[in-house]
């Protein structure tokens, strides 16, 4: 009969990866909020104001994502 022994050690790198993952999550949430704010601001503009920016209504979502 053979026996397998497994030791589980928590590496300091694990903590760093967890912290990086949590930070990346909150960064992504923040970016999503900024995109939503840009979308909202652009969608409130008149067609004339959008045209001055070189946009049409159907381009608002892409412009919000691209940060225009």
PDB file of N, CA and C in Angstrom:
ATOM      1  N   UNK A   1       0.849  -1.166   0.000  1.00  0.00           N
ATOM      2  CA  UNK A   1       0.000   0.000   0.000  1.00  0.00           C
ATOM      3  C   UNK A   1       0.899   1.235   0.000  1.00  0.00           C
ATOM      4  N   UNK A   2       0.521   2.223  -0.807  1.00  0.00           N
ATOM      5  CA  UNK A   2       1.318   3.449  -0.851  1.00  0.00           C
ATOM      6  C   UNK A   2       0.524   4.601  -0.245  1.00  0.00           C
ATOM      7  N   UNK A   3       1.249   5.556   0.269  1.00  0.00           N
ATOM      8  CA  UNK A   3       0.626   6.707   0.915  1.00  0.00           C
ATOM      9  C   UNK A   3       1.127   7.973   0.239  1.00  0.00           C
ATOM     10  N   UNK A   4       0.219   8.869  -0.024  1.00  0.00           N
ATOM     11  CA  UNK A   4       0.571  10.153  -0.620  1.00  0.00           C
ATOM     12  C   UNK A   4       0.362  11.223   0.434  1.00  0.00           C
ATOM     13  N   UNK A   5       1.366  12.025   0.613  1.00  0.00           N
ATOM     14  CA  UNK A   5       1.275  13.105   1.580  1.00  0.00           C
ATOM     15  C   UNK A   5       1.306  14.428   0.831  1.00  0.00           C
ATOM     16  N   UNK A   6       0.339  15.251   1.095  1.00  0.00           N
ATOM     17  CA  UNK A   6       0.260  16.557   0.448  1.00  0.00           C
ATOM     18  C   UNK A   6       0.329  17.618   1.533  1.00  0.00           C
ATOM     19  N   UNK A   7       1.240  18.521   1.366  1.00  0.00           N
ATOM     20  CA  UNK A   7       1.315  19.632   2.309  1.00  0.00           C
ATOM     21  C   UNK A   7       0.799  20.870   1.606  1.00  0.00           C
ATOM     22  N   UNK A   8       0.063  21.631   2.311  1.00  0.00           N
ATOM     23  CA  UNK A   8      -0.522  22.853   1.755  1.00  0.00           C
ATOM     24  C   UNK A   8       0.102  24.039   2.462  1.00  0.00           C
ATOM     25  N   UNK A   9       0.827  24.804   1.693  1.00  0.00           N
ATOM     26  CA  UNK A   9       1.435  26.002   2.272  1.00  0.00           C
ATOM     27  C   UNK A   9       0.836  27.212   1.582  1.00  0.00           C
ATOM     28  N   UNK A  10       0.538  28.207   2.355  1.00  0.00           N
ATOM     29  CA  UNK A  10       0.030  29.449   1.801  1.00  0.00           C
ATOM     30  C   UNK A  10       1.214  30.352   1.509  1.00  0.00           C
ATOM     31  N   UNK A  11       1.348  30.658   0.269  1.00  0.00           N
ATOM     32  CA  UNK A  11       2.461  31.481  -0.170  1.00  0.00           C
ATOM     33  C   UNK A  11       2.137  32.957   0.033  1.00  0.00           C
ATOM     34  N   UNK A  12       3.135  33.781   0.322  1.00  0.00           N
ATOM     35  CA  UNK A  12       2.886  35.229   0.386  1.00  0.00           C
ATOM     36  C   UNK A  12       2.388  35.749  -0.961  1.00  0.00           C
ATOM     37  N   UNK A  13       2.741  35.034  -2.034  1.00  0.00           N
ATOM     38  CA  UNK A  13       2.273  35.441  -3.356  1.00  0.00           C
ATOM     39  C   UNK A  13       0.759  35.296  -3.477  1.00  0.00           C
ATOM     40  N   UNK A  14       0.194  34.342  -2.754  1.00  0.00           N
ATOM     41  CA  UNK A  14      -1.260  34.158  -2.793  1.00  0.00           C
ATOM     42  C   UNK A  14      -1.952  35.408  -2.287  1.00  0.00           C
ATOM     43  N   UNK A  15      -1.487  35.948  -1.185  1.00  0.00           N
ATOM     44  CA  UNK A  15      -2.080  37.168  -0.636  1.00  0.00           C
ATOM     45  C   UNK A  15      -1.954  38.310  -1.635  1.00  0.00           C
ATOM     46  N   UNK A  16      -0.794  38.439  -2.252  1.00  0.00           N
ATOM     47  CA  UNK A  16      -0.574  39.504  -3.238  1.00  0.00           C
ATOM     48  C   UNK A  16      -1.523  39.338  -4.420  1.00  0.00           C
ATOM     49  N   UNK A  17      -1.724  38.098  -4.870  1.00  0.00           N
ATOM     50  CA  UNK A  17      -2.645  37.857  -5.991  1.00  0.00           C
ATOM     51  C   UNK A  17      -4.080  38.190  -5.617  1.00  0.00           C
ATOM     52  N   UNK A  18      -4.467  37.861  -4.396  1.00  0.00           N
ATOM     53  CA  UNK A  18      -5.817  38.183  -3.939  1.00  0.00           C
ATOM     54  C   UNK A  18      -6.009  39.693  -3.907  1.00  0.00           C
ATOM     55  N   UNK A  19      -5.038  40.394  -3.356  1.00  0.00           N
ATOM     56  CA  UNK A  19      -5.126  41.857  -3.281  1.00  0.00           C
ATOM     57  C   UNK A  19      -5.182  42.450  -4.687  1.00  0.00           C
ATOM     58  N   UNK A  20      -4.357  41.962  -5.598  1.00  0.00           N
ATOM     59  CA  UNK A  20      -4.369  42.458  -6.978  1.00  0.00           C
ATOM     60  C   UNK A  20      -5.712  42.190  -7.649  1.00  0.00           C
ATOM     61  N   UNK A  21      -6.277  41.028  -7.397  1.00  0.00           N
ATOM     62  CA  UNK A  21      -7.563  40.682  -7.992  1.00  0.00           C
ATOM     63  C   UNK A  21      -8.677  41.584  -7.472  1.00  0.00           C
ATOM     64  N   UNK A  22      -8.681  41.833  -6.183  1.00  0.00           N
ATOM     65  CA  UNK A  22      -9.688  42.715  -5.592  1.00  0.00           C
ATOM     66  C   UNK A  22      -9.509  44.139  -6.122  1.00  0.00           C
ATOM     67  N   UNK A  23      -8.275  44.596  -6.206  1.00  0.00           N
ATOM     68  CA  UNK A  23      -8.010  45.940  -6.736  1.00  0.00           C
ATOM     69  C   UNK A  23      -8.450  46.045  -8.188  1.00  0.00           C
ATOM     70  N   UNK A  24      -8.178  45.020  -8.989  1.00  0.00           N
ATOM     71  CA  UNK A  24      -8.592  45.024 -10.395  1.00  0.00           C
ATOM     72  C   UNK A  24     -10.107  45.046 -10.512  1.00  0.00           C
ATOM     73  N   UNK A  25     -10.789  44.320  -9.630  1.00  0.00           N
ATOM     74  CA  UNK A  25     -12.256  44.317  -9.637  1.00  0.00           C
ATOM     75  C   UNK A  25     -12.789  45.729  -9.398  1.00  0.00           C
ATOM     76  N   UNK A  26     -12.286  46.395  -8.366  1.00  0.00           N
ATOM     77  CA  UNK A  26     -12.784  47.731  -8.060  1.00  0.00           C
ATOM     78  C   UNK A  26     -12.389  48.739  -9.139  1.00  0.00           C
ATOM     79  N   UNK A  27     -11.249  48.541  -9.755  1.00  0.00           N
ATOM     80  CA  UNK A  27     -10.857  49.399 -10.872  1.00  0.00           C
ATOM     81  C   UNK A  27     -11.831  49.220 -12.038  1.00  0.00           C
ATOM     82  N   UNK A  28     -12.214  47.989 -12.316  1.00  0.00           N
ATOM     83  CA  UNK A  28     -13.164  47.708 -13.393  1.00  0.00           C
ATOM     84  C   UNK A  28     -14.539  48.293 -13.081  1.00  0.00           C
ATOM     85  N   UNK A  29     -14.958  48.206 -11.828  1.00  0.00           N
ATOM     86  CA  UNK A  29     -16.232  48.805 -11.431  1.00  0.00           C
ATOM     87  C   UNK A  29     -16.185  50.313 -11.643  1.00  0.00           C
ATOM     88  N   UNK A  30     -15.082  50.926 -11.262  1.00  0.00           N
ATOM     89  CA  UNK A  30     -14.925  52.367 -11.454  1.00  0.00           C
ATOM     90  C   UNK A  30     -14.963  52.751 -12.921  1.00  0.00           C
ATOM     91  N   UNK A  31     -14.296  51.972 -13.753  1.00  0.00           N
ATOM     92  CA  UNK A  31     -14.312  52.245 -15.193  1.00  0.00           C
ATOM     93  C   UNK A  31     -15.722  52.095 -15.744  1.00  0.00           C
ATOM     94  N   UNK A  32     -16.448  51.102 -15.291  1.00  0.00           N
ATOM     95  CA  UNK A  32     -17.838  50.924 -15.723  1.00  0.00           C
ATOM     96  C   UNK A  32     -18.704  52.111 -15.345  1.00  0.00           C
ATOM     97  N   UNK A  33     -18.476  52.628 -14.163  1.00  0.00           N
ATOM     98  CA  UNK A  33     -19.236  53.821 -13.737  1.00  0.00           C
ATOM     99  C   UNK A  33     -18.882  55.036 -14.584  1.00  0.00           C
ATOM    100  N   UNK A  34     -17.600  55.192 -14.910  1.00  0.00           N
ATOM    101  CA  UNK A  34     -17.199  56.330 -15.750  1.00  0.00           C
ATOM    102  C   UNK A  34     -17.828  56.214 -17.142  1.00  0.00           C
ATOM    103  N   UNK A  35     -17.864  55.007 -17.693  1.00  0.00           N
ATOM    104  CA  UNK A  35     -18.492  54.794 -18.998  1.00  0.00           C
ATOM    105  C   UNK A  35     -19.981  55.141 -18.921  1.00  0.00           C
ATOM    106  N   UNK A  36     -20.644  54.693 -17.868  1.00  0.00           N
ATOM    107  CA  UNK A  36     -22.072  54.983 -17.703  1.00  0.00           C
ATOM    108  C   UNK A  36     -22.325  56.483 -17.590  1.00  0.00           C
ATOM    109  N   UNK A  37     -21.447  57.184 -16.884  1.00  0.00           N
ATOM    110  CA  UNK A  37     -21.594  58.638 -16.749  1.00  0.00           C
ATOM    111  C   UNK A  37     -21.400  59.331 -18.096  1.00  0.00           C
ATOM    112  N   UNK A  38     -20.393  58.883 -18.860  1.00  0.00           N
ATOM    113  CA  UNK A  38     -20.191  59.475 -20.192  1.00  0.00           C
ATOM    114  C   UNK A  38     -21.395  59.211 -21.086  1.00  0.00           C
ATOM    115  N   UNK A  39     -21.915  57.977 -21.033  1.00  0.00           N
ATOM    116  CA  UNK A  39     -23.086  57.631 -21.836  1.00  0.00           C
ATOM    117  C   UNK A  39     -24.266  58.522 -21.477  1.00  0.00           C
ATOM    118  N   UNK A  40     -24.499  58.668 -20.192  1.00  0.00           N
ATOM    119  CA  UNK A  40     -25.613  59.498 -19.723  1.00  0.00           C
ATOM    120  C   UNK A  40     -25.461  60.941 -20.201  1.00  0.00           C
ATOM    121  N   UNK A  41     -24.258  61.488 -20.057  1.00  0.00           N
ATOM    122  CA  UNK A  41     -24.014  62.877 -20.476  1.00  0.00           C
ATOM    123  C   UNK A  41     -24.206  63.028 -21.982  1.00  0.00           C
ATOM    124  N   UNK A  42     -23.686  62.100 -22.757  1.00  0.00           N
ATOM    125  CA  UNK A  42     -23.833  62.195 -24.211  1.00  0.00           C
ATOM    126  C   UNK A  42     -25.284  62.009 -24.635  1.00  0.00           C
ATOM    127  N   UNK A  43     -26.004  61.124 -23.989  1.00  0.00           N
ATOM    128  CA  UNK A  43     -27.387  60.871 -24.386  1.00  0.00           C
ATOM    129  C   UNK A  43     -28.295  62.054 -24.088  1.00  0.00           C
ATOM    130  N   UNK A  44     -27.886  62.912 -23.186  1.00  0.00           N
ATOM    131  CA  UNK A  44     -28.677  64.106 -22.872  1.00  0.00           C
ATOM    132  C   UNK A  44     -28.450  65.245 -23.869  1.00  0.00           C
ATOM    133  N   UNK A  45     -27.405  65.148 -24.679  1.00  0.00           N
ATOM    134  CA  UNK A  45     -27.123  66.202 -25.653  1.00  0.00           C
ATOM    135  C   UNK A  45     -28.135  66.172 -26.796  1.00  0.00           C
ATOM    136  N   UNK A  46     -28.343  67.327 -27.377  1.00  0.00           N
ATOM    137  CA  UNK A  46     -29.218  67.406 -28.549  1.00  0.00           C
ATOM    138  C   UNK A  46     -28.492  66.820 -29.757  1.00  0.00           C
ATOM    139  N   UNK A  47     -29.256  66.562 -30.804  1.00  0.00           N
ATOM    140  CA  UNK A  47     -28.643  66.042 -32.029  1.00  0.00           C
ATOM    141  C   UNK A  47     -27.628  67.026 -32.602  1.00  0.00           C
ATOM    142  N   UNK A  48     -27.913  68.314 -32.473  1.00  0.00           N
ATOM    143  CA  UNK A  48     -26.998  69.345 -32.964  1.00  0.00           C
ATOM    144  C   UNK A  48     -25.695  69.324 -32.166  1.00  0.00           C
ATOM    145  N   UNK A  49     -25.810  69.226 -30.851  1.00  0.00           N
ATOM    146  CA  UNK A  49     -24.614  69.184 -30.006  1.00  0.00           C
ATOM    147  C   UNK A  49     -23.797  67.920 -30.286  1.00  0.00           C
ATOM    148  N   UNK A  50     -24.472  66.810 -30.508  1.00  0.00           N
ATOM    149  CA  UNK A  50     -23.762  65.578 -30.863  1.00  0.00           C
ATOM    150  C   UNK A  50     -23.040  65.747 -32.200  1.00  0.00           C
ATOM    151  N   UNK A  51     -23.721  66.368 -33.151  1.00  0.00           N
ATOM    152  CA  UNK A  51     -23.118  66.576 -34.472  1.00  0.00           C
ATOM    153  C   UNK A  51     -21.854  67.430 -34.362  1.00  0.00           C
ATOM    154  N   UNK A  52     -21.882  68.431 -33.482  1.00  0.00           N
ATOM    155  CA  UNK A  52     -20.683  69.261 -33.264  1.00  0.00           C
ATOM    156  C   UNK A  52     -19.516  68.417 -32.774  1.00  0.00           C
ATOM    157  N   UNK A  53     -19.806  67.351 -32.057  1.00  0.00           N
ATOM    158  CA  UNK A  53     -18.768  66.436 -31.569  1.00  0.00           C
ATOM    159  C   UNK A  53     -18.439  65.353 -32.589  1.00  0.00           C
ATOM    160  N   UNK A  54     -19.126  65.398 -33.719  1.00  0.00           N
ATOM    161  CA  UNK A  54     -18.886  64.402 -34.752  1.00  0.00           C
ATOM    162  C   UNK A  54     -19.567  63.076 -34.470  1.00  0.00           C
ATOM    163  N   UNK A  55     -20.672  63.124 -33.715  1.00  0.00           N
ATOM    164  CA  UNK A  55     -21.377  61.903 -33.322  1.00  0.00           C
ATOM    165  C   UNK A  55     -22.829  61.928 -33.762  1.00  0.00           C
ATOM    166  N   UNK A  56     -23.376  60.740 -33.889  1.00  0.00           N
ATOM    167  CA  UNK A  56     -24.812  60.559 -34.057  1.00  0.00           C
ATOM    168  C   UNK A  56     -25.307  59.747 -32.866  1.00  0.00           C
ATOM    169  N   UNK A  57     -26.609  59.679 -32.700  1.00  0.00           N
ATOM    170  CA  UNK A  57     -27.174  58.948 -31.552  1.00  0.00           C
ATOM    171  C   UNK A  57     -26.720  57.499 -31.508  1.00  0.00           C
ATOM    172  N   UNK A  58     -26.623  56.857 -32.660  1.00  0.00           N
ATOM    173  CA  UNK A  58     -26.242  55.446 -32.654  1.00  0.00           C
ATOM    174  C   UNK A  58     -24.772  55.227 -32.330  1.00  0.00           C
ATOM    175  N   UNK A  59     -23.990  56.288 -32.226  1.00  0.00           N
ATOM    176  CA  UNK A  59     -22.570  56.179 -31.889  1.00  0.00           C
ATOM    177  C   UNK A  59     -22.275  56.504 -30.423  1.00  0.00           C
ATOM    178  N   UNK A  60     -23.310  56.830 -29.666  1.00  0.00           N
ATOM    179  CA  UNK A  60     -23.110  57.248 -28.273  1.00  0.00           C
ATOM    180  C   UNK A  60     -22.455  56.150 -27.436  1.00  0.00           C
ATOM    181  N   UNK A  61     -22.931  54.937 -27.534  1.00  0.00           N
ATOM    182  CA  UNK A  61     -22.377  53.852 -26.706  1.00  0.00           C
ATOM    183  C   UNK A  61     -20.894  53.651 -26.980  1.00  0.00           C
ATOM    184  N   UNK A  62     -20.529  53.590 -28.249  1.00  0.00           N
ATOM    185  CA  UNK A  62     -19.117  53.402 -28.598  1.00  0.00           C
ATOM    186  C   UNK A  62     -18.271  54.569 -28.114  1.00  0.00           C
ATOM    187  N   UNK A  63     -18.791  55.789 -28.271  1.00  0.00           N
ATOM    188  CA  UNK A  63     -18.051  56.962 -27.818  1.00  0.00           C
ATOM    189  C   UNK A  63     -17.860  56.954 -26.300  1.00  0.00           C
ATOM    190  N   UNK A  64     -18.878  56.509 -25.577  1.00  0.00           N
ATOM    191  CA  UNK A  64     -18.768  56.441 -24.116  1.00  0.00           C
ATOM    192  C   UNK A  64     -17.691  55.431 -23.708  1.00  0.00           C
ATOM    193  N   UNK A  65     -17.658  54.305 -24.379  1.00  0.00           N
ATOM    194  CA  UNK A  65     -16.655  53.288 -24.067  1.00  0.00           C
ATOM    195  C   UNK A  65     -15.255  53.778 -24.415  1.00  0.00           C
ATOM    196  N   UNK A  66     -15.139  54.478 -25.525  1.00  0.00           N
ATOM    197  CA  UNK A  66     -13.827  54.953 -25.979  1.00  0.00           C
ATOM    198  C   UNK A  66     -13.379  56.204 -25.226  1.00  0.00           C
ATOM    199  N   UNK A  67     -14.265  56.783 -24.432  1.00  0.00           N
ATOM    200  CA  UNK A  67     -13.878  57.939 -23.640  1.00  0.00           C
ATOM    201  C   UNK A  67     -13.957  59.262 -24.367  1.00  0.00           C
ATOM    202  N   UNK A  68     -14.770  59.325 -25.384  1.00  0.00           N
ATOM    203  CA  UNK A  68     -14.914  60.571 -26.153  1.00  0.00           C
ATOM    204  C   UNK A  68     -15.917  61.495 -25.539  1.00  0.00           C
TER     205      UNK A  68
END
